[in-house]
Amino acid sequence: MSKLLNEQEVRKLIPIGHSKYYELIGSGALRSVTIGRRRFVTEQAVIDYIAQLDQAA
């Protein structure tokens, strides 16, 4: 099972800023889930995003 990561944890794994984080979520490039009023990204979503970047390079 994948761990749910908050914004700070994701930004430690992917070197992006606050605005870019929400831009990626808004565009669907970085999948997220909402629980209550909080938004989380799964570890698998981070892995998939990095793999997508690698394929595009």
PDB file of N, CA and C in Angstrom:
ATOM      1  N   MET A   1       0.840  -1.177   0.000  1.00  0.00           N
ATOM      2  CA  MET A   1       0.000   0.000   0.000  1.00  0.00           C
ATOM      3  C   MET A   1       0.886   1.241   0.000  1.00  0.00           C
ATOM      4  N   SER A   2       0.499   2.227  -0.795  1.00  0.00           N
ATOM      5  CA  SER A   2       1.268   3.458  -0.893  1.00  0.00           C
ATOM      6  C   SER A   2       1.000   4.374   0.296  1.00  0.00           C
ATOM      7  N   LYS A   3       2.011   5.080   0.691  1.00  0.00           N
ATOM      8  CA  LYS A   3       1.892   6.060   1.765  1.00  0.00           C
ATOM      9  C   LYS A   3       1.350   7.358   1.179  1.00  0.00           C
ATOM     10  N   LEU A   4       0.542   8.062   1.958  1.00  0.00           N
ATOM     11  CA  LEU A   4       0.049   9.368   1.542  1.00  0.00           C
ATOM     12  C   LEU A   4       1.051  10.431   1.980  1.00  0.00           C
ATOM     13  N   LEU A   5       1.443  11.277   1.044  1.00  0.00           N
ATOM     14  CA  LEU A   5       2.435  12.315   1.307  1.00  0.00           C
ATOM     15  C   LEU A   5       1.779  13.687   1.271  1.00  0.00           C
ATOM     16  N   ASN A   6       2.176  14.555   2.194  1.00  0.00           N
ATOM     17  CA  ASN A   6       1.677  15.921   2.158  1.00  0.00           C
ATOM     18  C   ASN A   6       2.572  16.767   1.244  1.00  0.00           C
ATOM     19  N   GLU A   7       2.239  18.026   1.097  1.00  0.00           N
ATOM     20  CA  GLU A   7       2.977  18.906   0.185  1.00  0.00           C
ATOM     21  C   GLU A   7       4.471  18.950   0.507  1.00  0.00           C
ATOM     22  N   GLN A   8       4.825  19.127   1.755  1.00  0.00           N
ATOM     23  CA  GLN A   8       6.229  19.230   2.137  1.00  0.00           C
ATOM     24  C   GLN A   8       7.004  17.959   1.810  1.00  0.00           C
ATOM     25  N   GLU A   9       6.387  16.818   2.046  1.00  0.00           N
ATOM     26  CA  GLU A   9       7.057  15.545   1.763  1.00  0.00           C
ATOM     27  C   GLU A   9       7.269  15.355   0.262  1.00  0.00           C
ATOM     28  N   VAL A  10       6.279  15.732  -0.526  1.00  0.00           N
ATOM     29  CA  VAL A  10       6.410  15.623  -1.985  1.00  0.00           C
ATOM     30  C   VAL A  10       7.504  16.556  -2.486  1.00  0.00           C
ATOM     31  N   ARG A  11       7.537  17.760  -1.949  1.00  0.00           N
ATOM     32  CA  ARG A  11       8.527  18.748  -2.407  1.00  0.00           C
ATOM     33  C   ARG A  11       9.946  18.380  -1.987  1.00  0.00           C
ATOM     34  N   LYS A  12      10.100  17.510  -1.011  1.00  0.00           N
ATOM     35  CA  LYS A  12      11.431  16.996  -0.673  1.00  0.00           C
ATOM     36  C   LYS A  12      11.888  15.984  -1.715  1.00  0.00           C
ATOM     37  N   LEU A  13      10.922  15.250  -2.291  1.00  0.00           N
ATOM     38  CA  LEU A  13      11.242  14.229  -3.289  1.00  0.00           C
ATOM     39  C   LEU A  13      11.393  14.821  -4.696  1.00  0.00           C
ATOM     40  N   ILE A  14      10.593  15.837  -4.985  1.00  0.00           N
ATOM     41  CA  ILE A  14      10.636  16.501  -6.287  1.00  0.00           C
ATOM     42  C   ILE A  14      10.997  17.965  -6.021  1.00  0.00           C
ATOM     43  N   PRO A  15      12.090  18.450  -6.573  1.00  0.00           N
ATOM     44  CA  PRO A  15      12.519  19.828  -6.286  1.00  0.00           C
ATOM     45  C   PRO A  15      11.665  20.869  -7.021  1.00  0.00           C
ATOM     46  N   ILE A  16      10.478  21.138  -6.462  1.00  0.00           N
ATOM     47  CA  ILE A  16       9.570  22.126  -7.036  1.00  0.00           C
ATOM     48  C   ILE A  16       9.093  23.059  -5.933  1.00  0.00           C
ATOM     49  N   GLY A  17       8.576  24.187  -6.332  1.00  0.00           N
ATOM     50  CA  GLY A  17       8.052  25.153  -5.381  1.00  0.00           C
ATOM     51  C   GLY A  17       6.578  24.917  -5.094  1.00  0.00           C
ATOM     52  N   HIS A  18       6.057  25.712  -4.194  1.00  0.00           N
ATOM     53  CA  HIS A  18       4.662  25.624  -3.761  1.00  0.00           C
ATOM     54  C   HIS A  18       3.705  25.787  -4.940  1.00  0.00           C
ATOM     55  N   SER A  19       3.905  26.822  -5.746  1.00  0.00           N
ATOM     56  CA  SER A  19       3.008  27.094  -6.869  1.00  0.00           C
ATOM     57  C   SER A  19       3.050  25.982  -7.907  1.00  0.00           C
ATOM     58  N   LYS A  20       4.245  25.494  -8.219  1.00  0.00           N
ATOM     59  CA  LYS A  20       4.389  24.419  -9.202  1.00  0.00           C
ATOM     60  C   LYS A  20       3.716  23.148  -8.705  1.00  0.00           C
ATOM     61  N   TYR A  21       3.785  22.881  -7.420  1.00  0.00           N
ATOM     62  CA  TYR A  21       3.134  21.713  -6.817  1.00  0.00           C
ATOM     63  C   TYR A  21       1.635  21.735  -7.137  1.00  0.00           C
ATOM     64  N   TYR A  22       0.985  22.865  -6.872  1.00  0.00           N
ATOM     65  CA  TYR A  22      -0.448  22.963  -7.120  1.00  0.00           C
ATOM     66  C   TYR A  22      -0.767  23.030  -8.607  1.00  0.00           C
ATOM     67  N   GLU A  23       0.138  23.568  -9.402  1.00  0.00           N
ATOM     68  CA  GLU A  23      -0.045  23.577 -10.853  1.00  0.00           C
ATOM     69  C   GLU A  23      -0.051  22.140 -11.396  1.00  0.00           C
ATOM     70  N   LEU A  24       0.881  21.306 -10.930  1.00  0.00           N
ATOM     71  CA  LEU A  24       0.953  19.921 -11.365  1.00  0.00           C
ATOM     72  C   LEU A  24      -0.289  19.135 -10.940  1.00  0.00           C
ATOM     73  N   ILE A  25      -0.781  19.391  -9.754  1.00  0.00           N
ATOM     74  CA  ILE A  25      -1.988  18.720  -9.284  1.00  0.00           C
ATOM     75  C   ILE A  25      -3.187  19.186 -10.104  1.00  0.00           C
ATOM     76  N   GLY A  26      -3.281  20.488 -10.334  1.00  0.00           N
ATOM     77  CA  GLY A  26      -4.401  21.039 -11.097  1.00  0.00           C
ATOM     78  C   GLY A  26      -4.464  20.539 -12.524  1.00  0.00           C
ATOM     79  N   SER A  27      -3.302  20.335 -13.123  1.00  0.00           N
ATOM     80  CA  SER A  27      -3.256  19.868 -14.509  1.00  0.00           C
ATOM     81  C   SER A  27      -3.437  18.354 -14.610  1.00  0.00           C
ATOM     82  N   GLY A  28      -3.354  17.657 -13.482  1.00  0.00           N
ATOM     83  CA  GLY A  28      -3.481  16.201 -13.489  1.00  0.00           C
ATOM     84  C   GLY A  28      -2.163  15.483 -13.712  1.00  0.00           C
ATOM     85  N   ALA A  29      -1.079  16.227 -13.875  1.00  0.00           N
ATOM     86  CA  ALA A  29       0.232  15.608 -14.082  1.00  0.00           C
ATOM     87  C   ALA A  29       0.696  14.867 -12.823  1.00  0.00           C
ATOM     88  N   LEU A  30       0.265  15.355 -11.671  1.00  0.00           N
ATOM     89  CA  LEU A  30       0.586  14.717 -10.389  1.00  0.00           C
ATOM     90  C   LEU A  30      -0.751  14.381  -9.728  1.00  0.00           C
ATOM     91  N   ARG A  31      -1.075  13.090  -9.683  1.00  0.00           N
ATOM     92  CA  ARG A  31      -2.361  12.656  -9.135  1.00  0.00           C
ATOM     93  C   ARG A  31      -2.402  12.884  -7.627  1.00  0.00           C
ATOM     94  N   SER A  32      -3.576  13.260  -7.147  1.00  0.00           N
ATOM     95  CA  SER A  32      -3.726  13.506  -5.711  1.00  0.00           C
ATOM     96  C   SER A  32      -5.092  13.035  -5.245  1.00  0.00           C
ATOM     97  N   VAL A  33      -5.222  12.931  -3.930  1.00  0.00           N
ATOM     98  CA  VAL A  33      -6.493  12.595  -3.299  1.00  0.00           C
ATOM     99  C   VAL A  33      -6.781  13.637  -2.229  1.00  0.00           C
ATOM    100  N   THR A  34      -8.054  13.895  -2.007  1.00  0.00           N
ATOM    101  CA  THR A  34      -8.458  14.841  -0.983  1.00  0.00           C
ATOM    102  C   THR A  34      -9.162  14.077   0.133  1.00  0.00           C
ATOM    103  N   ILE A  35      -8.735  14.333   1.341  1.00  0.00           N
ATOM    104  CA  ILE A  35      -9.382  13.766   2.527  1.00  0.00           C
ATOM    105  C   ILE A  35      -9.776  14.952   3.391  1.00  0.00           C
ATOM    106  N   GLY A  36     -11.069  15.165   3.499  1.00  0.00           N
ATOM    107  CA  GLY A  36     -11.538  16.360   4.197  1.00  0.00           C
ATOM    108  C   GLY A  36     -11.117  17.589   3.418  1.00  0.00           C
ATOM    109  N   ARG A  37     -10.385  18.471   4.055  1.00  0.00           N
ATOM    110  CA  ARG A  37      -9.897  19.679   3.390  1.00  0.00           C
ATOM    111  C   ARG A  37      -8.427  19.568   3.000  1.00  0.00           C
ATOM    112  N   ARG A  38      -7.821  18.417   3.266  1.00  0.00           N
ATOM    113  CA  ARG A  38      -6.384  18.245   2.988  1.00  0.00           C
ATOM    114  C   ARG A  38      -6.171  17.453   1.712  1.00  0.00           C
ATOM    115  N   ARG A  39      -5.111  17.787   0.987  1.00  0.00           N
ATOM    116  CA  ARG A  39      -4.765  17.116  -0.260  1.00  0.00           C
ATOM    117  C   ARG A  39      -3.472  16.347  -0.069  1.00  0.00           C
ATOM    118  N   PHE A  40      -3.466  15.104  -0.548  1.00  0.00           N
ATOM    119  CA  PHE A  40      -2.309  14.236  -0.439  1.00  0.00           C
ATOM    120  C   PHE A  40      -1.957  13.653  -1.794  1.00  0.00           C
ATOM    121  N   VAL A  41      -0.704  13.262  -1.941  1.00  0.00           N
ATOM    122  CA  VAL A  41      -0.212  12.595  -3.138  1.00  0.00           C
ATOM    123  C   VAL A  41       0.349  11.259  -2.681  1.00  0.00           C
ATOM    124  N   THR A  42       0.050  10.190  -3.399  1.00  0.00           N
ATOM    125  CA  THR A  42       0.587   8.879  -3.013  1.00  0.00           C
ATOM    126  C   THR A  42       2.033   8.750  -3.483  1.00  0.00           C
ATOM    127  N   GLU A  43       2.763   7.874  -2.826  1.00  0.00           N
ATOM    128  CA  GLU A  43       4.145   7.604  -3.251  1.00  0.00           C
ATOM    129  C   GLU A  43       4.165   7.128  -4.692  1.00  0.00           C
ATOM    130  N   GLN A  44       3.182   6.310  -5.075  1.00  0.00           N
ATOM    131  CA  GLN A  44       3.131   5.785  -6.437  1.00  0.00           C
ATOM    132  C   GLN A  44       2.921   6.901  -7.449  1.00  0.00           C
ATOM    133  N   ALA A  45       2.127   7.908  -7.104  1.00  0.00           N
ATOM    134  CA  ALA A  45       1.912   9.045  -8.009  1.00  0.00           C
ATOM    135  C   ALA A  45       3.221   9.807  -8.233  1.00  0.00           C
ATOM    136  N   VAL A  46       4.035   9.934  -7.191  1.00  0.00           N
ATOM    137  CA  VAL A  46       5.338  10.596  -7.323  1.00  0.00           C
ATOM    138  C   VAL A  46       6.251   9.767  -8.223  1.00  0.00           C
ATOM    139  N   ILE A  47       6.269   8.453  -8.013  1.00  0.00           N
ATOM    140  CA  ILE A  47       7.089   7.564  -8.834  1.00  0.00           C
ATOM    141  C   ILE A  47       6.658   7.654 -10.298  1.00  0.00           C
ATOM    142  N   ASP A  48       5.342   7.638 -10.541  1.00  0.00           N
ATOM    143  CA  ASP A  48       4.824   7.725 -11.906  1.00  0.00           C
ATOM    144  C   ASP A  48       5.192   9.059 -12.557  1.00  0.00           C
ATOM    145  N   TYR A  49       5.099  10.150 -11.805  1.00  0.00           N
ATOM    146  CA  TYR A  49       5.450  11.467 -12.334  1.00  0.00           C
ATOM    147  C   TYR A  49       6.932  11.519 -12.719  1.00  0.00           C
ATOM    148  N   ILE A  50       7.797  11.006 -11.865  1.00  0.00           N
ATOM    149  CA  ILE A  50       9.225  11.004 -12.172  1.00  0.00           C
ATOM    150  C   ILE A  50       9.514  10.136 -13.398  1.00  0.00           C
ATOM    151  N   ALA A  51       8.836   8.999 -13.499  1.00  0.00           N
ATOM    152  CA  ALA A  51       9.017   8.113 -14.670  1.00  0.00           C
ATOM    153  C   ALA A  51       8.561   8.820 -15.943  1.00  0.00           C
ATOM    154  N   GLN A  52       7.471   9.589 -15.845  1.00  0.00           N
ATOM    155  CA  GLN A  52       6.981  10.349 -16.996  1.00  0.00           C
ATOM    156  C   GLN A  52       8.009  11.395 -17.421  1.00  0.00           C
ATOM    157  N   LEU A  53       8.632  12.042 -16.475  1.00  0.00           N
ATOM    158  CA  LEU A  53       9.688  13.027 -16.789  1.00  0.00           C
ATOM    159  C   LEU A  53      10.852  12.357 -17.474  1.00  0.00           C
ATOM    160  N   ASP A  54      11.214  11.175 -16.991  1.00  0.00           N
ATOM    161  CA  ASP A  54      12.334  10.423 -17.556  1.00  0.00           C
ATOM    162  C   ASP A  54      12.042  10.014 -18.994  1.00  0.00           C
ATOM    163  N   GLN A  55      10.817   9.593 -19.281  1.00  0.00           N
ATOM    164  CA  GLN A  55      10.439   9.194 -20.629  1.00  0.00           C
ATOM    165  C   GLN A  55      10.437  10.380 -21.585  1.00  0.00           C
ATOM    166  N   ALA A  56      10.063  11.548 -21.087  1.00  0.00           N
ATOM    167  CA  ALA A  56       9.998  12.740 -21.925  1.00  0.00           C
ATOM    168  C   ALA A  56      11.387  13.297 -22.240  1.00  0.00           C
ATOM    169  N   ALA A  57      12.362  12.944 -21.430  1.00  0.00           N
ATOM    170  CA  ALA A  57      13.723  13.487 -21.608  1.00  0.00           C
ATOM    171  C   ALA A  57      14.444  12.842 -22.774  1.00  0.00           C
TER     172      ALA A  57
END
